[in-house]
Amino acid sequence: MNDQWGLQDKTTTLTDSERGKLYIKGNYAIFVHWGLYSQLGCKCNDKSYCGVSEWNQTKLKIKPQDMMDYAKQFNPVNFSATKLVSLAKNVGMKYIVITAKRHDGFVMYHSKVSDFNIVDASPYGRDPMKEMAAECAKQGVGLGFYYSHNLDWTASGGTMGPKTNAAGDSVSFDQYFYSKCLPQVKEITSEYGPLALIWFDCPGSISPKYTQKLADLVHNNQPNAFINGRIGNNMGDYTGSGDMEVPQKRIDGLSESCDVTNDSWGWAYYDENWKSPKLILTNVLSIVARGGNYLMNVPPGPDGTVPELVEKILTSTGKWIQKYPQVVYGSEASPWPKKFSWGDVVRKENKLYLLVYEWNVNGELWLPGLKSEIKLLKFLNAKNSKLKYELRNNAVVIKIPALAPEKYVSVIELELKNEVSVNESPTIDPYLPTYYSAYFAEAKNCILKNKQLMEKFGE
């Protein structure tokens, strides 16, 4: 049954299983980077830096014990699980992934394994993940936990962490894994109710024996939850694009793209470079058109609140999604491998939805390579919506008015008489600039590789 957002089943190989249903159906979710690093926000004493704030400890060369001492100042008294979950639900996000532990090792729930947690080490003294679990259950939003399983900068034995304990004894990664990592993953998968997702990060060269232990634990305690690809060693349930990446090419199988509303994952004192509602919306639609899910991050500040402007931006985007739910939820990837100069396409059975980002004032929209016969062509959710078209130069040339019916993205519904069939050959738009990424290039006498910096700031 569809809900207010038009949630429908998406075709999947997991038809006989409950696993990952929320992920498979949802397409759009909220990522919440919130932790001790939010207290610092890229600034510590007289030092600061331009970069992602959750790397405060390494970028500002803060010693593990000093980082632990900063926890005594972390008191996000204005955090509200009700407001955060309501924001996600109201803007059309179907599940939440929130940081239970990031690379600094600070735990955002009441862990019995380590007292370096928000209840025991900070004046806050509450378990916000318990509140999130209760609120997600109440409002019908899925909950997922982010857990940094390989990197830990304060726990002895963790990757990039201290090599010795307080007594000066050498501590191995194996000891860290079995004394902190695995027991904490057991905690978050057994004490917070049903989960939709466990989101691991930065596996590096972690051994398969460790990822297998984690995967088995999650599957045992949360049989319906998915595990993301960053658990490592190809043991995740889906693949992921690079950080802040909108895929240029259609991806086969389940995939996910995670992105930021500004430039940093965690809150940064200087970062007001917020994405516009239209950019977030077109990213959502383009990622769905490539066959993926969009995980959009928000960074609560030191007091635990989401910046007011972020709420307004996401709410604006959400109003469009609420008007066009059939476009976002349960849709399949575009039959074409890339976006067009004017926008993108998603598919649902024998219907195509043309998502027009850039309006051509010349009055024609070119859709090349469609082989299927057209039954109906119209604007979706608009008066006087029926559109005329003609076939010209192996393209469907749609007659459009001078003004777009929507502020952000206009939607043309194209119903076909039979199954979708297209010609994927490269084409040039006669009116708008046409770009082809190197992803579509054929490598001759060279090797084509996808290389990325770890962070967009070039650190």
Protein backbone atom coordinates (compact mmCIF):
# COMPACT_ATOMS: atom_id res chain seq x y z
CA MET A 1 0.00 0.00 0.00
CA ASN A 2 1.23 3.50 -0.83
CA ASP A 3 1.66 6.07 1.97
CA GLN A 4 1.51 9.87 1.64
CA TRP A 5 4.83 9.79 -0.20
CA GLY A 6 3.80 7.10 -2.68
CA LEU A 7 6.07 4.38 -1.28
CA GLN A 8 6.04 1.30 -3.50
CA ASP A 9 8.01 -1.91 -3.82
CA LYS A 10 11.01 -1.75 -6.13
CA THR A 11 12.00 -4.83 -8.11
CA THR A 12 14.75 -6.67 -6.25
CA THR A 13 16.35 -10.08 -6.03
CA LEU A 14 15.33 -10.15 -2.34
CA THR A 15 11.64 -10.76 -3.07
CA ASP A 16 11.41 -13.63 -0.57
CA SER A 17 13.01 -11.69 2.27
CA GLU A 18 12.29 -8.81 4.64
CA ARG A 19 15.93 -7.74 4.57
CA GLY A 20 16.55 -4.21 3.44
CA LYS A 21 12.96 -3.46 2.46
CA LEU A 22 13.06 0.08 3.76
CA TYR A 23 16.33 0.75 1.94
CA ILE A 24 15.03 -0.76 -1.30
CA LYS A 25 11.77 1.19 -1.20
CA GLY A 26 12.98 4.49 0.19
CA ASN A 27 15.53 6.07 -2.19
CA TYR A 28 15.95 9.19 -0.01
CA ALA A 29 17.32 9.30 3.55
CA ILE A 30 18.97 11.58 6.09
CA PHE A 31 22.56 11.22 7.33
CA VAL A 32 23.34 12.82 10.71
CA HIS A 33 26.97 13.51 11.60
CA TRP A 34 26.88 14.51 15.23
CA GLY A 35 29.45 13.88 17.93
CA LEU A 36 32.23 15.31 20.08
CA TYR A 37 33.74 16.86 16.94
CA SER A 38 30.60 19.04 16.74
CA GLN A 39 31.72 20.73 19.95
CA LEU A 40 34.99 21.82 18.32
CA GLY A 41 33.74 22.53 14.81
CA CYS A 42 37.21 22.94 13.20
CA LYS A 43 38.56 25.12 16.00
CA CYS A 44 40.58 24.25 19.10
CA ASN A 45 42.15 26.85 21.39
CA ASP A 46 44.05 29.22 19.07
CA LYS A 47 44.14 26.83 16.09
CA SER A 48 41.60 26.29 13.33
CA TYR A 49 41.48 24.80 9.85
CA CYS A 50 39.33 24.68 6.74
CA GLY A 51 38.06 21.15 6.27
CA VAL A 52 35.58 18.56 7.44
CA SER A 53 35.09 18.98 11.17
CA GLU A 54 34.84 15.32 12.14
CA TRP A 55 38.61 15.10 11.45
CA ASN A 56 39.33 17.73 14.14
CA GLN A 57 41.52 15.43 16.17
CA THR A 58 44.00 14.59 13.43
CA LYS A 59 43.95 17.93 11.61
CA LEU A 60 44.56 19.94 14.79
CA LYS A 61 46.86 17.24 16.23
CA ILE A 62 44.83 16.85 19.42
CA LYS A 63 46.20 14.19 21.76
CA PRO A 64 43.82 11.35 22.71
CA GLN A 65 43.72 12.35 26.39
CA ASP A 66 43.03 15.99 25.46
CA MET A 67 40.19 14.83 23.21
CA MET A 68 38.76 12.87 26.11
CA ASP A 69 38.97 15.98 28.28
CA TYR A 70 36.98 17.99 25.71
CA ALA A 71 34.08 15.61 26.31
CA LYS A 72 33.60 17.31 29.67
CA GLN A 73 32.46 20.41 27.74
CA PHE A 74 30.07 18.61 25.39
CA ASN A 75 26.52 19.38 26.53
CA PRO A 76 24.06 19.52 23.57
CA VAL A 77 21.09 20.49 25.75
CA ASN A 78 18.87 21.53 22.82
CA PHE A 79 18.98 18.20 21.00
CA SER A 80 15.50 16.89 20.21
CA ALA A 81 14.96 13.46 18.70
CA THR A 82 11.35 14.46 18.03
CA LYS A 83 12.38 17.46 15.93
CA LEU A 84 15.09 15.57 14.05
CA VAL A 85 12.89 12.60 13.15
CA SER A 86 10.00 14.93 12.27
CA LEU A 87 12.28 16.89 9.94
CA ALA A 88 13.33 13.71 8.14
CA LYS A 89 9.76 12.47 7.82
CA ASN A 90 8.29 15.80 6.74
CA VAL A 91 10.80 16.30 3.92
CA GLY A 92 10.28 12.79 2.55
CA MET A 93 13.25 10.89 3.97
CA LYS A 94 12.40 7.28 4.75
CA TYR A 95 15.20 6.37 7.13
CA ILE A 96 17.90 7.97 9.26
CA VAL A 97 21.56 7.01 9.63
CA ILE A 98 23.12 8.68 12.68
CA THR A 99 26.68 8.42 14.01
CA ALA A 100 26.90 6.10 17.01
CA LYS A 101 30.71 6.23 16.93
CA ARG A 102 32.99 8.05 14.54
CA HIS A 103 36.77 7.97 14.11
CA ASP A 104 37.49 9.93 17.30
CA GLY A 105 36.16 6.96 19.28
CA PHE A 106 33.56 8.97 21.22
CA VAL A 107 30.33 7.00 21.54
CA MET A 108 26.97 8.77 21.22
CA TYR A 109 25.05 6.25 23.33
CA HIS A 110 25.44 4.70 26.79
CA SER A 111 28.06 2.04 26.13
CA LYS A 112 28.99 -0.43 28.84
CA VAL A 113 32.15 -1.30 26.93
CA SER A 114 33.84 2.10 27.13
CA ASP A 115 33.13 5.05 29.40
CA PHE A 116 34.23 7.43 26.62
CA ASN A 117 30.57 7.99 25.80
CA ILE A 118 28.03 10.78 25.95
CA VAL A 119 26.40 9.53 29.16
CA ASP A 120 29.50 8.82 31.28
CA ALA A 121 32.06 11.28 29.86
CA SER A 122 29.97 14.41 29.25
CA PRO A 123 27.68 16.61 31.35
CA TYR A 124 24.82 15.79 28.97
CA GLY A 125 24.22 12.48 30.77
CA ARG A 126 21.49 11.15 28.45
CA ASP A 127 21.40 8.49 25.75
CA PRO A 128 20.20 10.30 22.58
CA MET A 129 20.22 7.07 20.57
CA LYS A 130 17.57 5.61 22.90
CA GLU A 131 15.51 8.72 22.22
CA MET A 132 16.09 8.37 18.47
CA ALA A 133 15.03 4.71 18.52
CA ALA A 134 11.82 5.52 20.38
CA GLU A 135 10.99 8.46 18.14
CA CYS A 136 11.70 6.61 14.89
CA ALA A 137 9.42 3.78 16.03
CA LYS A 138 6.71 6.29 16.94
CA GLN A 139 6.85 8.18 13.64
CA GLY A 140 7.45 5.20 11.36
CA VAL A 141 10.91 6.23 10.17
CA GLY A 142 13.68 3.65 9.80
CA LEU A 143 16.77 3.93 12.00
CA GLY A 144 20.34 3.09 11.11
CA PHE A 145 23.58 3.51 13.04
CA TYR A 146 26.94 4.64 11.67
CA TYR A 147 29.88 2.89 13.37
CA SER A 148 33.56 3.47 12.58
CA HIS A 149 34.89 -0.07 12.90
CA ASN A 150 38.49 0.31 11.72
CA LEU A 151 39.62 3.82 12.67
CA ASP A 152 39.67 4.82 16.33
CA TRP A 153 41.96 7.66 17.36
CA THR A 154 41.55 7.36 21.13
CA ALA A 155 41.22 3.61 21.77
CA SER A 156 44.50 1.71 22.10
CA GLY A 157 45.00 -0.62 19.15
CA GLY A 158 42.53 1.10 16.87
CA THR A 159 43.83 2.08 13.44
CA MET A 160 45.53 5.52 13.71
CA GLY A 161 45.06 5.32 17.49
CA PRO A 162 47.52 4.84 20.38
CA LYS A 163 49.71 1.76 20.09
CA THR A 164 50.00 1.32 23.84
CA ASN A 165 47.62 1.43 26.79
CA ALA A 166 47.85 3.54 29.95
CA ALA A 167 50.32 1.07 31.46
CA GLY A 168 52.62 1.36 28.43
CA ASP A 169 51.84 -2.13 27.15
CA SER A 170 51.56 -2.67 23.40
CA VAL A 171 47.99 -3.17 22.15
CA SER A 172 47.16 -4.80 18.81
CA PHE A 173 44.25 -4.16 16.49
CA ASP A 174 42.98 -7.62 17.37
CA GLN A 175 42.75 -6.59 21.03
CA TYR A 176 40.95 -3.36 20.11
CA PHE A 177 38.53 -5.22 17.87
CA TYR A 178 37.49 -7.79 20.46
CA SER A 179 37.53 -5.45 23.46
CA LYS A 180 35.74 -2.42 21.94
CA CYS A 181 34.60 -2.66 18.33
CA LEU A 182 32.77 -5.99 18.25
CA PRO A 183 31.16 -5.58 21.71
CA GLN A 184 29.90 -2.10 20.81
CA VAL A 185 28.41 -3.30 17.53
CA LYS A 186 26.69 -5.96 19.61
CA GLU A 187 25.30 -3.20 21.84
CA ILE A 188 23.88 -1.07 19.05
CA THR A 189 22.37 -4.09 17.26
CA SER A 190 20.74 -5.60 20.34
CA GLU A 191 19.65 -2.73 22.60
CA TYR A 192 17.92 -0.22 20.30
CA GLY A 193 15.10 -2.16 18.69
CA PRO A 194 14.68 -2.99 14.99
CA LEU A 195 17.20 -1.28 12.72
CA ALA A 196 17.08 -0.62 8.99
CA LEU A 197 20.80 -0.28 8.43
CA ILE A 198 24.28 -0.54 9.94
CA TRP A 199 26.64 1.88 8.20
CA PHE A 200 30.35 1.13 8.57
CA ASP A 201 33.10 3.42 7.27
CA CYS A 202 36.77 3.59 6.23
CA PRO A 203 37.62 -0.13 6.28
CA GLY A 204 41.09 0.45 4.84
CA SER A 205 42.92 -2.86 4.65
CA ILE A 206 40.96 -4.50 7.48
CA SER A 207 41.19 -8.28 7.38
CA PRO A 208 38.19 -10.27 6.07
CA LYS A 209 38.08 -12.21 9.35
CA TYR A 210 37.05 -9.04 11.17
CA THR A 211 34.46 -7.92 8.64
CA GLN A 212 33.00 -11.43 8.62
CA LYS A 213 32.61 -11.30 12.41
CA LEU A 214 30.83 -7.95 12.17
CA ALA A 215 28.58 -9.04 9.30
CA ASP A 216 27.60 -12.24 11.11
CA LEU A 217 26.81 -10.28 14.27
CA VAL A 218 24.61 -7.79 12.44
CA HIS A 219 22.80 -10.54 10.52
CA ASN A 220 22.19 -12.46 13.74
CA ASN A 221 20.94 -9.51 15.83
CA GLN A 222 19.24 -7.54 13.05
CA PRO A 223 18.19 -10.04 10.36
CA ASN A 224 16.17 -7.43 8.45
CA ALA A 225 18.89 -4.76 8.39
CA PHE A 226 21.18 -4.02 5.47
CA ILE A 227 24.93 -3.48 5.79
CA ASN A 228 26.58 -0.85 3.61
CA GLY A 229 29.50 -1.62 1.31
CA ARG A 230 32.06 0.17 3.48
CA ILE A 231 32.20 -2.71 5.90
CA GLY A 232 34.93 -3.87 3.53
CA ASN A 233 35.94 -7.01 1.67
CA ASN A 234 32.77 -7.01 -0.49
CA MET A 235 30.60 -8.09 2.44
CA GLY A 236 28.02 -5.30 2.20
CA ASP A 237 24.53 -5.58 0.77
CA TYR A 238 24.98 -2.71 -1.68
CA THR A 239 27.68 -0.58 -3.22
CA GLY A 240 28.41 3.08 -2.59
CA SER A 241 29.68 5.98 -4.65
CA GLY A 242 32.43 8.26 -3.38
CA ASP A 243 31.61 10.94 -0.83
CA MET A 244 29.70 13.90 -2.30
CA GLU A 245 29.46 12.19 -5.69
CA VAL A 246 26.48 12.16 -8.04
CA PRO A 247 27.16 9.19 -10.36
CA GLN A 248 27.54 10.10 -14.01
CA LYS A 249 26.69 6.64 -15.29
CA ARG A 250 23.91 4.16 -14.54
CA ILE A 251 24.87 1.70 -11.80
CA ASP A 252 23.69 -1.91 -11.91
CA GLY A 253 22.44 -3.32 -8.62
CA LEU A 254 21.69 -1.52 -5.36
CA SER A 255 23.83 1.54 -4.69
CA GLU A 256 23.99 4.66 -2.55
CA SER A 257 25.43 8.16 -2.74
CA CYS A 258 26.08 10.18 0.41
CA ASP A 259 26.35 13.95 0.29
CA VAL A 260 26.54 17.06 2.49
CA THR A 261 24.20 20.03 2.72
CA ASN A 262 27.22 22.35 2.87
CA ASP A 263 30.93 21.36 2.70
CA SER A 264 31.51 19.47 5.96
CA TRP A 265 29.94 16.34 7.40
CA GLY A 266 30.11 17.52 11.00
CA TRP A 267 29.24 21.06 12.07
CA ALA A 268 31.99 23.59 11.23
CA TYR A 269 31.96 27.07 12.72
CA TYR A 270 32.68 28.83 9.42
CA ASP A 271 30.77 26.69 6.91
CA GLU A 272 27.66 28.45 5.58
CA ASN A 273 28.01 27.21 2.01
CA TRP A 274 24.61 25.50 1.94
CA LYS A 275 23.30 23.82 -1.17
CA SER A 276 20.20 25.34 -2.73
CA PRO A 277 16.85 23.50 -2.63
CA LYS A 278 17.05 22.99 -6.40
CA LEU A 279 20.54 21.49 -6.26
CA ILE A 280 19.53 19.04 -3.53
CA LEU A 281 16.38 18.12 -5.45
CA THR A 282 18.18 17.58 -8.75
CA ASN A 283 20.80 15.49 -6.93
CA VAL A 284 18.04 13.33 -5.44
CA LEU A 285 16.44 12.83 -8.84
CA SER A 286 19.68 12.22 -10.74
CA ILE A 287 20.81 9.61 -8.22
CA VAL A 288 17.44 7.83 -8.42
CA ALA A 289 17.79 8.01 -12.22
CA ARG A 290 21.17 6.26 -11.97
CA GLY A 291 19.55 3.51 -9.86
CA GLY A 292 20.72 4.63 -6.42
CA ASN A 293 19.67 5.98 -3.03
CA TYR A 294 20.55 9.48 -1.81
CA LEU A 295 21.81 9.86 1.78
CA MET A 296 21.78 13.59 2.55
CA ASN A 297 23.73 14.79 5.59
CA VAL A 298 22.75 17.40 8.16
CA PRO A 299 25.23 18.63 10.82
CA PRO A 300 23.71 19.44 14.24
CA GLY A 301 25.70 22.12 16.05
CA PRO A 302 27.31 22.03 19.50
CA ASP A 303 23.90 22.50 21.17
CA GLY A 304 22.40 19.59 19.22
CA THR A 305 20.14 21.58 16.89
CA VAL A 306 20.04 21.41 13.10
CA PRO A 307 20.82 24.83 11.54
CA GLU A 308 17.57 26.67 10.79
CA LEU A 309 18.54 27.37 7.17
CA VAL A 310 19.09 23.64 6.56
CA GLU A 311 15.56 22.92 7.76
CA LYS A 312 14.15 25.55 5.39
CA ILE A 313 16.14 24.24 2.41
CA LEU A 314 15.14 20.61 2.99
CA THR A 315 11.53 21.60 3.62
CA SER A 316 11.42 23.42 0.30
CA THR A 317 12.76 20.33 -1.46
CA GLY A 318 10.32 18.14 0.47
CA LYS A 319 7.30 20.09 -0.76
CA TRP A 320 8.24 19.23 -4.34
CA ILE A 321 8.71 15.55 -3.41
CA GLN A 322 5.35 15.47 -1.66
CA LYS A 323 3.75 16.74 -4.88
CA TYR A 324 5.55 14.16 -7.05
CA PRO A 325 6.04 11.06 -4.85
CA GLN A 326 5.67 8.62 -7.74
CA VAL A 327 8.82 10.09 -9.28
CA VAL A 328 11.05 9.49 -6.25
CA TYR A 329 9.81 6.34 -4.51
CA GLY A 330 9.84 2.93 -6.10
CA SER A 331 11.11 4.30 -9.41
CA GLU A 332 13.62 2.49 -11.56
CA ALA A 333 16.72 3.90 -13.20
CA SER A 334 16.59 5.73 -16.50
CA PRO A 335 16.78 3.46 -19.56
CA TRP A 336 19.47 5.83 -20.84
CA PRO A 337 22.93 5.54 -19.22
CA LYS A 338 23.35 9.27 -18.50
CA LYS A 339 21.39 12.45 -17.90
CA PHE A 340 20.40 14.75 -20.74
CA SER A 341 21.34 18.40 -21.17
CA TRP A 342 17.88 19.42 -19.97
CA GLY A 343 17.58 16.97 -17.09
CA ASP A 344 16.95 13.31 -16.38
CA VAL A 345 14.52 10.39 -16.64
CA VAL A 346 13.13 7.81 -14.23
CA ARG A 347 11.01 4.84 -15.16
CA LYS A 348 7.98 3.13 -13.61
CA GLU A 349 6.60 0.17 -15.56
CA ASN A 350 5.50 1.52 -18.98
CA LYS A 351 5.82 5.16 -17.94
CA LEU A 352 8.76 7.51 -18.21
CA TYR A 353 9.00 10.67 -16.14
CA LEU A 354 11.07 13.38 -17.82
CA LEU A 355 12.59 15.60 -15.12
CA VAL A 356 13.33 18.97 -16.67
CA TYR A 357 16.01 20.88 -14.73
CA GLU A 358 16.97 23.35 -17.47
CA TRP A 359 14.10 24.91 -19.39
CA ASN A 360 14.59 25.55 -23.10
CA VAL A 361 12.93 28.86 -23.98
CA ASN A 362 13.08 27.93 -27.68
CA GLY A 363 9.98 25.81 -27.09
CA GLU A 364 11.34 22.33 -27.84
CA LEU A 365 12.60 19.52 -25.64
CA TRP A 366 14.54 16.80 -27.44
CA LEU A 367 14.31 13.18 -26.24
CA PRO A 368 16.60 11.11 -28.49
CA GLY A 369 16.61 7.38 -29.03
CA LEU A 370 13.13 6.38 -27.84
CA LYS A 371 11.99 3.38 -29.86
CA SER A 372 8.71 2.66 -28.05
CA GLU A 373 5.41 4.03 -29.33
CA ILE A 374 3.89 6.84 -27.26
CA LYS A 375 0.37 6.48 -25.82
CA LEU A 376 0.13 9.75 -23.87
CA LEU A 377 2.35 12.76 -23.26
CA LYS A 378 1.52 15.39 -20.63
CA PHE A 379 2.76 17.56 -17.79
CA LEU A 380 2.32 15.80 -14.47
CA ASN A 381 0.12 17.61 -11.92
CA ALA A 382 -0.53 20.64 -14.14
CA LYS A 383 -3.60 22.21 -15.78
CA ASN A 384 -3.85 22.02 -19.56
CA SER A 385 -1.21 19.35 -19.27
CA LYS A 386 -1.43 17.53 -22.62
CA LEU A 387 1.60 18.15 -24.84
CA LYS A 388 2.16 17.88 -28.58
CA TYR A 389 5.19 16.24 -30.12
CA GLU A 390 6.71 15.16 -33.41
CA LEU A 391 9.36 12.67 -34.48
CA ARG A 392 12.44 14.29 -35.97
CA ASN A 393 16.01 13.01 -36.53
CA ASN A 394 15.43 9.88 -34.39
CA ALA A 395 14.19 12.01 -31.51
CA VAL A 396 10.87 12.78 -29.88
CA VAL A 397 10.62 16.58 -30.10
CA ILE A 398 8.19 17.79 -27.44
CA LYS A 399 6.54 21.18 -27.82
CA ILE A 400 6.84 23.04 -24.52
CA PRO A 401 5.67 26.53 -23.44
CA ALA A 402 8.04 29.41 -22.89
CA LEU A 403 7.62 29.26 -19.11
CA ALA A 404 8.21 26.19 -16.97
CA PRO A 405 5.21 25.07 -14.87
CA GLU A 406 7.43 24.39 -11.84
CA LYS A 407 10.00 26.54 -10.04
CA TYR A 408 12.60 23.81 -9.52
CA VAL A 409 11.90 20.79 -11.73
CA SER A 410 9.00 20.28 -14.15
CA VAL A 411 7.79 16.74 -14.81
CA ILE A 412 6.54 15.36 -18.12
CA GLU A 413 4.80 11.99 -17.97
CA LEU A 414 5.31 9.85 -21.03
CA GLU A 415 3.09 6.74 -21.14
CA LEU A 416 4.09 4.07 -23.65
CA LYS A 417 1.95 1.55 -25.55
CA ASN A 418 4.45 -1.23 -24.96
CA GLU A 419 7.68 -1.96 -23.10
CA VAL A 420 10.43 0.66 -22.88
CA SER A 421 12.99 0.38 -25.66
CA VAL A 422 15.71 2.97 -26.32
CA ASN A 423 18.82 3.56 -28.39
CA GLU A 424 21.67 4.51 -26.03
CA SER A 425 23.95 5.95 -28.71
CA PRO A 426 25.53 9.35 -27.87
CA THR A 427 23.64 12.39 -29.13
CA ILE A 428 24.00 16.18 -29.16
CA ASP A 429 21.23 18.45 -27.91
CA PRO A 430 20.48 21.10 -30.57
CA TYR A 431 19.79 23.85 -28.01
CA LEU A 432 21.61 23.15 -24.73
CA PRO A 433 25.32 22.40 -24.07
CA THR A 434 26.10 18.67 -24.17
CA TYR A 435 28.72 17.15 -21.85
CA TYR A 436 30.18 13.66 -21.80
CA SER A 437 32.13 12.45 -18.80
CA ALA A 438 35.32 10.40 -19.08
CA TYR A 439 33.26 7.60 -17.52
CA PHE A 440 31.92 7.00 -21.03
CA ALA A 441 35.34 7.04 -22.70
CA GLU A 442 37.03 4.01 -24.19
CA ALA A 443 40.63 3.68 -22.99
CA LYS A 444 43.20 2.98 -25.72
CA ASN A 445 46.89 2.58 -24.90
CA CYS A 446 46.15 3.79 -21.37
CA ILE A 447 44.30 2.79 -18.23
CA LEU A 448 41.15 4.65 -17.18
CA LYS A 449 40.92 4.93 -13.37
CA ASN A 450 38.51 6.62 -10.99
CA LYS A 451 40.64 8.62 -8.53
CA GLN A 452 39.33 10.77 -5.70
CA LEU A 453 40.78 12.86 -2.94
CA MET A 454 39.73 11.72 0.51
CA GLU A 455 38.12 15.08 1.12
CA LYS A 456 36.92 17.79 -1.22
CA PHE A 457 39.10 20.41 0.49
CA GLY A 458 42.25 18.86 -1.04
CA GLU A 459 43.81 18.03 2.31
